[in-house]
N, C-alpha and C. Protein backbone atom coordinates (compact mmCIF):
# COMPACT_ATOMS: atom_id res chain seq x y z
N MET A 1 22.03 90.81 -93.81
CA MET A 1 21.52 89.59 -93.40
C MET A 1 22.07 88.45 -94.43
N ALA A 2 22.19 88.75 -95.61
CA ALA A 2 22.67 87.98 -96.69
C ALA A 2 24.04 87.45 -96.01
N PHE A 3 24.93 88.39 -95.53
CA PHE A 3 26.27 87.76 -95.01
C PHE A 3 26.20 86.94 -94.10
N GLN A 4 25.34 87.34 -92.94
CA GLN A 4 25.29 86.28 -91.86
C GLN A 4 24.58 85.08 -92.52
N THR A 5 23.89 84.83 -93.30
CA THR A 5 23.31 83.68 -94.09
C THR A 5 24.33 82.82 -94.80
N VAL A 6 25.40 83.59 -95.44
CA VAL A 6 26.28 82.98 -96.16
C VAL A 6 27.44 82.32 -95.15
N SER A 7 27.56 83.23 -94.10
CA SER A 7 28.68 82.60 -93.07
C SER A 7 28.21 81.41 -92.69
N LEU A 8 26.89 81.34 -92.13
CA LEU A 8 26.53 80.19 -91.76
C LEU A 8 26.34 78.93 -92.54
N ALA A 9 26.20 79.07 -94.05
CA ALA A 9 26.32 77.97 -94.75
C ALA A 9 27.62 77.52 -94.67
N VAL A 10 28.49 78.48 -94.98
CA VAL A 10 29.85 77.97 -95.37
C VAL A 10 30.54 77.34 -93.97
N GLY A 11 30.03 78.06 -92.93
CA GLY A 11 30.64 77.32 -91.37
C GLY A 11 30.14 75.71 -91.29
N THR A 12 28.61 75.90 -91.86
CA THR A 12 27.86 74.49 -91.65
C THR A 12 28.78 73.23 -92.68
N LEU A 13 29.24 73.91 -93.82
CA LEU A 13 29.72 72.96 -94.74
C LEU A 13 31.24 72.90 -94.24
N VAL A 14 32.06 73.49 -93.51
CA VAL A 14 33.13 73.26 -93.10
C VAL A 14 33.15 72.38 -91.83
N HIS A 15 32.27 72.87 -90.96
CA HIS A 15 32.07 71.90 -89.82
C HIS A 15 31.59 70.48 -89.91
N GLY A 16 30.60 70.55 -90.93
CA GLY A 16 29.74 69.04 -91.24
C GLY A 16 30.67 68.05 -91.96
N PHE A 17 31.41 68.52 -92.78
CA PHE A 17 32.10 67.40 -93.68
C PHE A 17 33.39 67.41 -93.50
N ASP A 18 34.39 66.38 -93.71
CA ASP A 18 35.72 66.16 -93.88
C ASP A 18 36.20 66.49 -95.47
N TRP A 19 36.94 67.41 -95.79
CA TRP A 19 37.17 67.77 -97.12
C TRP A 19 38.76 66.97 -97.41
N GLY A 20 38.64 66.74 -98.83
CA GLY A 20 39.97 66.35 -99.31
C GLY A 20 39.93 66.60 -100.72
N ARG A 21 41.42 66.62 -101.08
CA ARG A 21 41.23 66.81 -102.77
C ARG A 21 41.41 65.48 -103.49
N VAL A 22 40.71 65.66 -104.64
CA VAL A 22 40.65 64.35 -105.67
C VAL A 22 42.13 63.86 -105.74
N GLU A 23 42.87 64.68 -106.33
CA GLU A 23 44.25 64.45 -107.01
C GLU A 23 45.16 64.95 -105.77
N GLN A 24 46.20 64.05 -105.81
CA GLN A 24 47.51 64.12 -104.67
C GLN A 24 48.32 65.01 -105.02
N GLU A 25 48.16 65.79 -106.21
CA GLU A 25 48.98 67.09 -106.52
C GLU A 25 48.86 68.02 -105.93
N LEU A 26 49.75 69.09 -105.71
CA LEU A 26 49.37 70.51 -105.14
C LEU A 26 48.30 71.26 -105.97
N VAL A 27 47.73 72.09 -105.26
CA VAL A 27 46.55 72.74 -105.90
C VAL A 27 47.33 73.82 -106.79
N ASP A 28 47.00 74.09 -107.87
CA ASP A 28 47.48 74.97 -108.79
C ASP A 28 46.94 76.38 -108.62
N MET A 29 47.82 77.43 -107.92
CA MET A 29 47.24 78.89 -107.61
C MET A 29 47.28 79.69 -108.76
N GLY A 30 47.50 79.30 -109.91
CA GLY A 30 47.61 80.33 -111.26
C GLY A 30 46.14 81.11 -111.46
N GLN A 31 46.47 82.18 -111.94
CA GLN A 31 45.28 82.87 -111.96
C GLN A 31 44.61 83.13 -113.42
N GLY A 32 43.51 82.84 -113.92
CA GLY A 32 43.25 83.21 -115.25
C GLY A 32 43.11 84.58 -115.61
N PHE A 33 42.18 84.95 -116.56
CA PHE A 33 41.90 86.29 -117.14
C PHE A 33 40.57 86.58 -116.93
N GLY A 34 40.07 87.58 -116.54
CA GLY A 34 38.68 88.22 -116.35
C GLY A 34 38.55 89.07 -115.30
N ILE A 35 37.08 89.47 -114.89
CA ILE A 35 36.86 90.18 -113.95
C ILE A 35 37.18 89.73 -112.55
N THR A 36 36.83 88.54 -112.48
CA THR A 36 37.01 87.71 -110.98
C THR A 36 38.23 87.06 -110.47
N LEU A 37 39.26 87.13 -111.48
CA LEU A 37 40.25 86.33 -111.61
C LEU A 37 40.32 84.85 -111.16
N PRO A 38 39.54 83.98 -112.27
CA PRO A 38 39.59 82.53 -111.95
C PRO A 38 40.57 81.91 -111.90
N LYS A 39 40.42 80.60 -111.28
CA LYS A 39 41.70 79.74 -111.27
C LYS A 39 41.95 79.20 -112.68
N ILE A 40 43.17 78.83 -113.11
CA ILE A 40 43.23 78.12 -114.43
C ILE A 40 42.81 77.03 -114.40
N ARG A 41 43.13 76.04 -113.01
CA ARG A 41 42.67 74.77 -113.25
C ARG A 41 41.68 74.97 -111.84
N PRO A 42 40.52 74.56 -112.06
CA PRO A 42 39.50 74.70 -110.98
C PRO A 42 39.96 73.52 -110.17
N LEU A 43 39.39 74.05 -108.67
CA LEU A 43 39.91 72.92 -107.73
C LEU A 43 38.86 71.82 -107.54
N LYS A 44 39.29 70.70 -107.49
CA LYS A 44 38.49 69.44 -107.45
C LYS A 44 38.28 68.93 -105.85
N ALA A 45 37.46 69.11 -105.49
CA ALA A 45 37.33 68.55 -103.95
C ALA A 45 36.27 67.35 -103.50
N ILE A 46 36.66 66.51 -102.58
CA ILE A 46 35.53 65.78 -102.30
C ILE A 46 35.17 66.00 -100.98
N CYS A 47 33.92 65.47 -100.56
CA CYS A 47 33.43 65.80 -99.00
C CYS A 47 32.88 64.26 -98.87
N SER A 48 32.90 64.11 -97.29
CA SER A 48 32.33 62.97 -96.88
C SER A 48 31.94 63.56 -95.43
N PRO A 49 30.56 63.13 -95.18
CA PRO A 49 29.80 63.51 -93.90
C PRO A 49 30.69 63.15 -92.62
N ARG A 50 31.06 63.95 -91.54
CA ARG A 50 31.46 63.32 -90.29
C ARG A 50 30.61 62.45 -89.60
N PRO A 51 30.92 61.58 -89.05
CA PRO A 51 30.18 60.38 -88.44
C PRO A 51 29.15 61.29 -87.36
N ALA A 52 29.78 62.40 -86.60
CA ALA A 52 28.75 62.88 -85.68
C ALA A 52 27.59 63.83 -86.24
N MET A 53 27.69 63.95 -87.84
CA MET A 53 27.00 64.83 -88.19
C MET A 53 25.73 64.19 -88.98
N ILE A 54 25.96 63.02 -89.19
CA ILE A 54 24.98 62.03 -90.27
C ILE A 54 23.71 62.23 -89.61
N ASP A 55 23.43 62.02 -88.57
CA ASP A 55 21.80 62.18 -87.93
C ASP A 55 21.28 63.72 -88.26
N LEU A 56 22.11 64.43 -87.95
CA LEU A 56 21.77 66.05 -88.29
C LEU A 56 21.36 66.24 -89.68
N LEU A 57 22.32 65.74 -90.64
CA LEU A 57 22.18 66.02 -91.99
C LEU A 57 20.98 65.27 -92.54
N THR A 58 20.79 63.96 -91.79
CA THR A 58 19.69 63.41 -92.48
C THR A 58 18.03 63.80 -92.30
N GLN A 59 18.12 64.84 -91.23
CA GLN A 59 16.89 65.15 -90.93
C GLN A 59 16.63 66.65 -91.65
N LEU A 60 17.62 66.98 -92.26
CA LEU A 60 17.33 68.46 -93.36
C LEU A 60 16.37 67.83 -94.43
């Protein structure tokens, strides 16, 4: 059930928003050290709601 809930949440975020990078440079895919291999430089993203989804998102 947790997998389905997370899939629904991620799908809603991808479908309901337009995503873009804050900076125009390419994303640094270098890996740091640790158990989960974090990124050296975190990804900074900006999102804006798609016009068709604004009414739906305001009802939440």
